[in-house]
Amino acid sequence: MTDPGLTTVATFESRDEADITVALLGSQGISAMVVADDEGGLNPGFFTDYSVRVVVSTTLASAAGAVIDEAGPAPADA
């Protein structure tokens, strides 16, 4: 079931990447949250099968997408 008031603006394979994106959006005044299933903390690797989503209010989805696009992809590990 999905919430009609929320829109997914990004998906990741790790919780860390999603948390960084939520912080980025927050720094621009856009409230966001992470939606992830780690089986109640018992299986932190569970994300690789189902992804971690960053969601925002549907009314802020366009602005959030612009912030994420402007930030560009995460740099590759050195």
Protein backbone atom coordinates (compact mmCIF):
# COMPACT_ATOMS: atom_id res chain seq x y z
CA MET A 1 0.00 0.00 0.00
CA THR A 2 1.29 3.46 -0.85
CA ASP A 3 0.45 6.81 0.67
CA PRO A 4 -1.06 9.11 -1.98
CA GLY A 5 0.49 12.09 -0.17
CA LEU A 6 4.04 10.77 -0.55
CA THR A 7 6.19 10.34 -3.63
CA THR A 8 9.44 8.40 -4.00
CA VAL A 9 12.14 10.71 -5.32
CA ALA A 10 15.16 8.38 -5.09
CA THR A 11 16.04 4.75 -4.44
CA PHE A 12 19.32 3.35 -3.16
CA GLU A 13 20.94 0.07 -2.24
CA SER A 14 22.17 1.36 1.11
CA ARG A 15 20.61 3.20 4.01
CA ASP A 16 23.64 5.51 4.23
CA GLU A 17 23.06 6.91 0.74
CA ALA A 18 19.39 7.49 1.51
CA ASP A 19 20.24 9.24 4.80
CA ILE A 20 22.68 11.56 2.99
CA THR A 21 19.98 12.43 0.45
CA VAL A 22 17.48 13.17 3.23
CA ALA A 23 20.07 15.48 4.82
CA LEU A 24 20.69 17.19 1.47
CA LEU A 25 16.98 17.79 0.97
CA GLY A 26 16.62 19.00 4.55
CA SER A 27 19.40 21.54 4.00
CA GLN A 28 17.22 22.99 1.23
CA GLY A 29 14.12 23.13 3.44
CA ILE A 30 12.52 20.01 1.97
CA SER A 31 11.25 17.49 4.53
CA ALA A 32 12.01 13.93 3.48
CA MET A 33 12.18 10.52 5.07
CA VAL A 34 13.69 7.12 4.44
CA VAL A 35 11.43 4.14 3.82
CA ALA A 36 13.29 0.87 4.24
CA ASP A 37 12.63 -2.64 5.46
CA ASP A 38 15.42 -4.21 7.47
CA GLU A 39 13.11 -6.72 9.13
CA GLY A 40 13.00 -4.76 12.37
CA GLY A 41 16.77 -4.34 12.48
CA LEU A 42 17.39 -8.08 12.31
CA ASN A 43 18.61 -8.08 8.71
CA PRO A 44 20.43 -4.87 7.75
CA GLY A 45 21.48 -6.40 4.41
CA PHE A 46 17.86 -6.88 3.39
CA PHE A 47 17.96 -3.56 1.50
CA THR A 48 19.90 -5.05 -1.38
CA ASP A 49 16.84 -7.04 -2.38
CA TYR A 50 14.21 -4.33 -1.96
CA SER A 51 15.98 -0.94 -2.08
CA VAL A 52 15.82 1.99 0.27
CA ARG A 53 13.48 4.79 -0.80
CA VAL A 54 13.57 8.51 -0.08
CA VAL A 55 10.06 9.96 -0.03
CA VAL A 56 8.71 13.50 0.15
CA SER A 57 5.31 15.14 0.11
CA THR A 58 3.85 14.92 -3.39
CA THR A 59 3.67 18.71 -3.48
CA LEU A 60 7.46 18.91 -2.98
CA ALA A 61 8.45 16.13 -5.38
CA SER A 62 9.44 18.42 -8.24
CA ALA A 63 11.61 20.62 -6.03
CA ALA A 64 13.21 17.57 -4.40
CA GLY A 65 13.98 16.05 -7.78
CA ALA A 66 15.66 19.27 -8.88
CA VAL A 67 17.87 19.33 -5.75
CA ILE A 68 18.86 15.69 -6.25
CA ASP A 69 19.57 16.21 -9.96
CA GLU A 70 21.70 19.28 -9.25
CA ALA A 71 23.74 17.38 -6.67
CA GLY A 72 24.58 14.78 -9.29
CA PRO A 73 25.69 11.21 -8.72
CA ALA A 74 27.72 10.22 -5.71
CA PRO A 75 31.47 10.21 -6.42
CA ALA A 76 33.07 6.82 -7.00
CA ASP A 77 35.22 5.42 -4.20
CA ALA A 78 38.82 6.52 -4.56
